[in-house]
C-alpha cells in the first residue's frame, strides 16, 4: 500500500522514510532544501507534484519527520496529527524554549556542569530552520481514524520516543500493518528521549518505563508488517520488538552495575559511553535517566538530593 521515499536529514540517524499512498504522504521529512528536492523527485517518480498531495500524516513532532509539512500545507494539503502533537507542531519554537528552560536546570541538578547544560540545551536551535511550525487541520484523538486510499488507518497513541507520538494501524490484503514512526526501528534501538512535564511545574514523565510497556503491548498485537521511520521495513514485528525489549533490559542491567556506589545520572552516562561528544549528551542523558527510572520503578535504586544534586544509589536486597 505504501511506497517508501528516502529523504535526507541533517541528523546522525541519516535519511527518514516518507511513505506515499495515492495522494497521502506520511512524515515528509525535515524542512531543508535538500530534503525538499528529494521529496519533489520522489513525487515526480509517481507523476505527482506538491500540489497533488491531499493530506500529510505526522507520526510525531520531531523535525526530521514533520519539517516539510508547512510547505505541503501551503500547496493545499491538510495536516493530520495527534491532538498532543498538534500543540507542538503549531508553535515548535515555543516548545523548544520550554524544553531548554526545563532541561538546562534538570541536567545541572543531575550532575552536568551548568555551562555544559546550557550548551547542550542550546544545540537544537541550529535545527529550527528545519522545523517550521505548522497548523494541524485534523487533530486525532486516540482510536480515531483517517482514510487513506479507501482504507481506515487508526491513530493509536503510544509513549516512549516523543511527545504526541502516534502509530497508524490498518488491515491490508488480509494482513495487520502499522506505520510506526520511530517507535520501532529495524536495526536501531529507539531512544527514549527525555520529555519535560506536560505542564510547567508538573511531574516529569518516565519515558523508558512507558516505552517498555508500550512495546510489550504492541508485541502482543502480533502485527504482520511495520513501516518504520528509518531504515528497512520490518516483516517480523514481534521478533524485532522482542529484540528491542531485550536490548533495553541489557542496558538496564549495565546501569544497575554503575550505581553500586552513589552516583549521578551524568556519571551513569559517562560510565555507559566513552568520549561522548556534547552534541550527543541529550540522547546520552535520555538513556541514563531512562534506565534509572526503570530501576527506581522496580525498587532497585533510590534517588535523593544532596547539595542540590540528584544522587542515585543501588538498593541491597
Protein backbone atom coordinates (compact mmCIF):
# COMPACT_ATOMS: atom_id res chain seq x y z
CA UNK A 1 0.00 0.00 0.00
CA UNK A 2 2.73 2.47 0.97
CA UNK A 3 5.78 3.29 -1.12
CA UNK A 4 8.87 4.40 0.79
CA UNK A 5 10.65 7.62 -0.21
CA UNK A 6 14.10 8.14 1.31
CA UNK A 7 14.51 11.78 2.42
CA UNK A 8 17.91 13.11 3.59
CA UNK A 9 18.23 14.70 7.03
CA UNK A 10 20.99 16.67 8.78
CA UNK A 11 20.83 14.29 11.73
CA UNK A 12 23.16 11.45 12.71
CA UNK A 13 20.46 8.85 12.14
CA UNK A 14 20.51 9.56 8.41
CA UNK A 15 17.59 9.57 5.93
CA UNK A 16 14.00 9.46 7.10
CA UNK A 17 11.33 7.29 5.48
CA UNK A 18 8.44 9.23 3.98
CA UNK A 19 5.58 6.98 2.87
CA UNK A 20 3.35 7.67 -0.11
CA UNK A 21 -0.06 6.10 -0.76
CA UNK A 22 -2.07 7.72 -3.53
CA UNK A 23 -2.19 11.38 -2.57
CA UNK A 24 -1.36 10.84 1.10
CA UNK A 25 2.14 11.34 2.48
CA UNK A 26 3.35 10.23 5.90
CA UNK A 27 6.27 12.08 7.58
CA UNK A 28 7.55 14.21 4.68
CA UNK A 29 11.00 14.93 6.14
CA UNK A 30 12.89 17.96 7.50
CA UNK A 31 12.38 21.48 6.21
CA UNK A 32 15.63 21.76 4.25
CA UNK A 33 16.20 22.47 0.57
CA UNK A 34 17.98 19.13 0.18
CA UNK A 35 15.00 17.29 1.64
CA UNK A 36 12.54 19.30 -0.47
CA UNK A 37 14.43 18.42 -3.66
CA UNK A 38 14.47 14.73 -2.72
CA UNK A 39 10.75 14.79 -1.93
CA UNK A 40 9.93 16.51 -5.23
CA UNK A 41 11.97 13.88 -7.08
CA UNK A 42 10.14 11.10 -5.24
CA UNK A 43 6.75 12.60 -6.02
CA UNK A 44 7.70 13.14 -9.65
CA UNK A 45 8.55 9.43 -9.94
CA UNK A 46 4.84 8.84 -9.24
CA UNK A 47 3.68 11.61 -11.59
CA UNK A 48 2.83 13.89 -8.69
CA UNK A 49 3.78 17.38 -7.62
CA UNK A 50 3.46 19.02 -4.19
CA UNK A 51 0.01 20.43 -5.03
CA UNK A 52 -1.21 16.88 -5.73
CA UNK A 53 -0.63 15.82 -2.11
CA UNK A 54 -4.00 15.99 -0.38
CA UNK A 55 -3.05 15.07 3.17
CA UNK A 56 0.07 14.69 5.28
CA UNK A 57 0.09 12.38 8.31
CA UNK A 58 2.63 13.11 11.07
CA UNK A 59 3.66 10.29 13.42
CA UNK A 60 5.47 12.56 15.89
CA UNK A 61 6.71 16.16 16.16
CA UNK A 62 10.44 15.72 15.54
CA UNK A 63 11.99 17.96 12.83
CA UNK A 64 13.19 15.10 10.62
CA UNK A 65 9.60 13.85 10.36
CA UNK A 66 7.44 16.98 10.04
CA UNK A 67 9.66 19.80 8.75
CA UNK A 68 8.29 19.89 5.19
CA UNK A 69 4.65 19.80 6.31
CA UNK A 70 4.34 23.59 6.20
CA UNK A 71 5.34 23.75 2.52
CA UNK A 72 2.91 21.00 1.64
CA UNK A 73 0.11 22.71 3.56
CA UNK A 74 0.84 25.91 1.65
CA UNK A 75 0.45 23.83 -1.52
CA UNK A 76 -3.01 22.68 -0.41
CA UNK A 77 -2.51 19.56 1.73
CA UNK A 78 -4.29 19.11 5.04
CA UNK A 79 -2.11 18.18 8.02
CA UNK A 80 -3.16 15.26 10.23
CA UNK A 81 -1.58 14.55 13.63
CA UNK A 82 -2.47 13.59 17.18
CA UNK A 83 -4.01 16.20 19.45
CA UNK A 84 -0.83 16.33 21.57
CA UNK A 85 1.44 16.60 18.53
CA UNK A 86 -0.76 19.35 17.07
CA UNK A 87 0.00 21.61 20.05
CA UNK A 88 3.75 21.20 19.49
CA UNK A 89 3.62 21.47 15.69
CA UNK A 90 1.65 24.71 15.93
CA UNK A 91 4.44 26.50 17.83
CA UNK A 92 7.61 24.46 17.69
CA UNK A 93 9.78 27.43 18.72
CA UNK A 94 7.81 27.84 21.94
CA UNK A 95 8.09 24.11 22.67
CA UNK A 96 11.86 24.30 22.22
CA UNK A 97 12.12 27.25 24.59
CA UNK A 98 10.14 25.33 27.20
CA UNK A 99 12.39 22.28 26.84
CA UNK A 100 15.52 24.44 27.02
CA UNK A 101 14.37 26.12 30.21
CA UNK A 102 13.43 22.83 31.83
CA UNK A 103 16.45 20.73 30.81
CA UNK A 104 19.04 23.40 31.48
CA UNK A 105 18.11 23.15 35.16
CA UNK A 106 17.41 19.39 35.02
CA UNK A 107 20.84 18.49 33.63
CA UNK A 108 22.54 20.79 36.14
CA UNK A 109 20.73 19.06 39.03
CA UNK A 110 21.65 15.66 37.59
CA UNK A 111 25.40 16.18 37.65
CA UNK A 112 26.21 18.05 34.44
CA UNK A 113 28.17 21.30 34.75
CA UNK A 114 25.84 24.28 34.43
CA UNK A 115 27.77 25.77 31.49
CA UNK A 116 27.71 22.41 29.69
CA UNK A 117 23.98 22.03 30.36
CA UNK A 118 23.40 25.45 28.81
CA UNK A 119 25.43 24.49 25.74
CA UNK A 120 23.62 21.16 25.33
CA UNK A 121 20.16 22.71 25.56
CA UNK A 122 21.11 25.45 23.08
CA UNK A 123 22.28 22.99 20.41
CA UNK A 124 18.81 22.24 18.94
CA UNK A 125 18.45 25.88 17.90
CA UNK A 126 20.64 25.03 14.90
CA UNK A 127 17.82 22.87 13.55
CA UNK A 128 14.95 25.33 13.96
CA UNK A 129 15.14 26.22 10.26
CA UNK A 130 14.36 22.56 9.50
CA UNK A 131 11.29 22.61 11.75
CA UNK A 132 8.93 25.43 10.75
CA UNK A 133 5.74 25.43 12.78
CA UNK A 134 2.62 24.23 11.00
CA UNK A 135 -1.08 24.20 11.86
CA UNK A 136 -2.87 20.86 12.10
CA UNK A 137 -6.09 20.64 10.12
CA UNK A 138 -7.28 17.32 11.57
CA UNK A 139 -6.25 16.55 15.15
CA UNK A 140 -6.93 12.93 16.03
CA UNK A 141 -7.74 11.53 19.44
CA UNK A 142 -6.61 8.05 20.41
CA UNK A 143 -8.61 5.49 18.43
CA UNK A 144 -9.90 7.88 15.79
CA UNK A 145 -9.37 7.08 12.11
CA UNK A 146 -8.29 8.73 8.88
CA UNK A 147 -8.97 7.34 5.41
CA UNK A 148 -6.08 6.64 3.04
CA UNK A 149 -6.88 5.18 -0.38
CA UNK A 150 -10.20 3.86 0.89
CA UNK A 151 -8.62 2.16 3.92
CA UNK A 152 -9.20 3.23 7.52
CA UNK A 153 -5.99 3.95 9.44
CA UNK A 154 -6.50 4.06 13.20
CA UNK A 155 -4.43 6.53 15.21
CA UNK A 156 -3.11 4.89 18.36
CA UNK A 157 -1.26 6.93 20.96
CA UNK A 158 1.99 5.38 22.15
CA UNK A 159 4.68 6.55 24.57
CA UNK A 160 8.42 6.41 24.73
CA UNK A 161 10.19 8.21 21.90
CA UNK A 162 8.39 11.55 21.59
CA UNK A 163 5.58 13.64 22.96
CA UNK A 164 2.43 13.25 20.89
CA UNK A 165 3.73 10.02 19.36
CA UNK A 166 1.19 8.13 17.23
CA UNK A 167 1.19 4.94 15.20
CA UNK A 168 -1.32 4.29 12.42
CA UNK A 169 -2.63 0.73 12.26
CA UNK A 170 -4.66 -0.82 9.45
CA UNK A 171 -5.63 -4.02 7.67
CA UNK A 172 -4.46 -4.52 4.09
CA UNK A 173 -4.94 -7.60 1.94
CA UNK A 174 -5.65 -9.73 4.99
CA UNK A 175 -2.62 -8.57 6.96
CA UNK A 176 -2.30 -6.37 10.03
CA UNK A 177 0.09 -3.46 9.44
CA UNK A 178 1.25 -0.24 11.07
CA UNK A 179 3.15 2.94 10.26
CA UNK A 180 5.10 3.49 13.45
CA UNK A 181 7.48 6.43 13.04
CA UNK A 182 10.42 5.85 15.40
CA UNK A 183 8.55 3.70 17.90
CA UNK A 184 10.05 0.53 16.36
CA UNK A 185 13.13 0.55 14.12
CA UNK A 186 14.69 -2.36 12.27
CA UNK A 187 18.37 -2.19 13.21
CA UNK A 188 18.45 0.66 15.73
CA UNK A 189 17.22 0.64 19.30
CA UNK A 190 14.94 3.71 19.52
CA UNK A 191 15.99 6.25 22.12
CA UNK A 192 13.52 7.08 24.91
CA UNK A 193 14.09 10.83 24.65
CA UNK A 194 13.59 12.78 27.84
CA UNK A 195 10.47 14.91 27.91
CA UNK A 196 9.56 17.77 30.21
CA UNK A 197 6.33 17.78 32.21
CA UNK A 198 3.21 18.26 30.10
CA UNK A 199 2.60 21.46 32.07
CA UNK A 200 5.14 23.65 33.81
CA UNK A 201 5.54 22.55 37.42
CA UNK A 202 4.15 19.08 36.77
CA UNK A 203 5.86 15.70 37.11
CA UNK A 204 8.42 14.62 34.53
CA UNK A 205 7.09 11.67 32.50
CA UNK A 206 9.14 8.47 32.93
CA UNK A 207 9.72 7.66 29.28
CA UNK A 208 11.58 4.34 29.25
CA UNK A 209 9.20 2.53 31.61
CA UNK A 210 6.33 3.80 29.45
CA UNK A 211 8.22 2.81 26.29
CA UNK A 212 8.75 -0.74 27.54
CA UNK A 213 5.07 -1.14 28.38
CA UNK A 214 4.02 0.32 25.05
CA UNK A 215 6.34 -2.03 23.13
CA UNK A 216 5.15 -5.05 25.12
CA UNK A 217 1.54 -4.20 24.27
CA UNK A 218 2.41 -3.78 20.61
CA UNK A 219 4.24 -7.10 20.52
CA UNK A 220 1.10 -8.84 21.79
CA UNK A 221 -0.78 -7.48 18.78
CA UNK A 222 1.23 -9.84 16.54
CA UNK A 223 1.39 -7.43 13.59
CA UNK A 224 2.37 -8.79 10.19
CA UNK A 225 4.28 -5.80 8.85
CA UNK A 226 5.67 -2.49 10.07
CA UNK A 227 6.63 0.68 8.21
CA UNK A 228 9.30 2.37 10.40
CA UNK A 229 10.60 5.94 10.27
CA UNK A 230 14.15 4.96 9.34
CA UNK A 231 15.95 2.14 7.55
CA UNK A 232 14.30 -1.01 6.23
CA UNK A 233 10.71 -2.12 6.67
CA UNK A 234 10.02 -4.90 9.18
CA UNK A 235 8.31 -8.15 8.19
CA UNK A 236 8.52 -9.84 11.61
CA UNK A 237 7.44 -7.12 14.05
CA UNK A 238 7.02 -9.32 17.14
CA UNK A 239 10.53 -10.67 16.84
CA UNK A 240 12.02 -7.22 16.31
CA UNK A 241 10.09 -5.72 19.23
CA UNK A 242 11.36 -8.56 21.40
CA UNK A 243 14.92 -7.73 20.37
CA UNK A 244 14.42 -4.07 21.30
CA UNK A 245 12.99 -5.01 24.70
CA UNK A 246 15.94 -7.36 25.28
CA UNK A 247 18.33 -4.56 24.36
CA UNK A 248 16.61 -2.23 26.82
CA UNK A 249 16.84 -4.88 29.54
CA UNK A 250 20.54 -5.47 28.92
CA UNK A 251 21.25 -1.75 29.16
CA UNK A 252 19.20 -1.56 32.37
CA UNK A 253 21.43 -4.28 33.88
CA UNK A 254 24.51 -2.31 32.82
CA UNK A 255 23.16 0.80 34.52
CA UNK A 256 22.39 -1.14 37.71
CA UNK A 257 26.05 -2.13 37.90
CA UNK A 258 27.04 1.53 37.70
CA UNK A 259 25.06 2.52 40.81
CA UNK A 260 26.60 0.13 43.30
CA UNK A 261 28.15 3.30 44.66
CA UNK A 262 26.25 6.62 44.81
CA UNK A 263 26.40 8.49 41.51
CA UNK A 264 24.53 10.97 39.34
CA UNK A 265 22.72 10.43 36.06
CA UNK A 266 25.59 12.26 34.36
CA UNK A 267 28.03 9.85 35.99
CA UNK A 268 25.96 6.93 34.67
CA UNK A 269 26.04 8.43 31.18
CA UNK A 270 29.82 8.71 31.35
CA UNK A 271 30.01 5.10 32.51
CA UNK A 272 27.88 3.93 29.57
CA UNK A 273 29.53 5.93 26.80
CA UNK A 274 33.22 6.69 26.38
CA UNK A 275 34.21 10.07 24.92
CA UNK A 276 30.65 11.07 24.04
CA UNK A 277 30.62 14.45 22.22
CA UNK A 278 28.49 17.21 23.68
CA UNK A 279 26.23 17.01 20.62
CA UNK A 280 25.14 13.58 21.88
CA UNK A 281 24.68 14.49 25.53
CA UNK A 282 20.91 14.85 25.26
CA UNK A 283 20.32 11.31 23.91
CA UNK A 284 23.03 10.06 26.27
CA UNK A 285 21.30 11.56 29.30
CA UNK A 286 17.98 10.26 27.99
CA UNK A 287 19.43 6.75 28.06
CA UNK A 288 20.94 7.13 31.52
CA UNK A 289 17.88 8.70 33.15
CA UNK A 290 15.52 6.33 31.35
CA UNK A 291 17.19 3.22 32.74
CA UNK A 292 17.49 4.79 36.18
CA UNK A 293 13.73 5.41 36.02
CA UNK A 294 13.19 1.72 35.26
CA UNK A 295 15.39 0.69 38.19
CA UNK A 296 13.71 3.16 40.53
CA UNK A 297 10.28 1.86 39.49
CA UNK A 298 11.47 -1.69 40.28
CA UNK A 299 12.80 -0.62 43.68
CA UNK A 300 16.41 -1.42 42.72
CA UNK A 301 17.74 2.13 43.19
CA UNK A 302 16.98 5.01 45.49
CA UNK A 303 17.06 8.65 44.43
CA UNK A 304 17.71 11.57 46.76
CA UNK A 305 19.03 15.12 46.59
CA UNK A 306 22.37 16.02 48.08
CA UNK A 307 23.51 19.62 47.95
CA UNK A 308 21.07 20.39 45.16
CA UNK A 309 22.24 17.42 43.07
CA UNK A 310 20.18 14.27 42.43
CA UNK A 311 22.07 11.15 43.54
CA UNK A 312 21.21 7.53 42.80
CA UNK A 313 22.27 4.57 44.89
CA UNK A 314 21.65 0.85 44.47
CA UNK A 315 19.34 -0.95 46.89
CA UNK A 316 20.76 -4.06 48.51
CA UNK A 317 18.22 -6.88 48.69
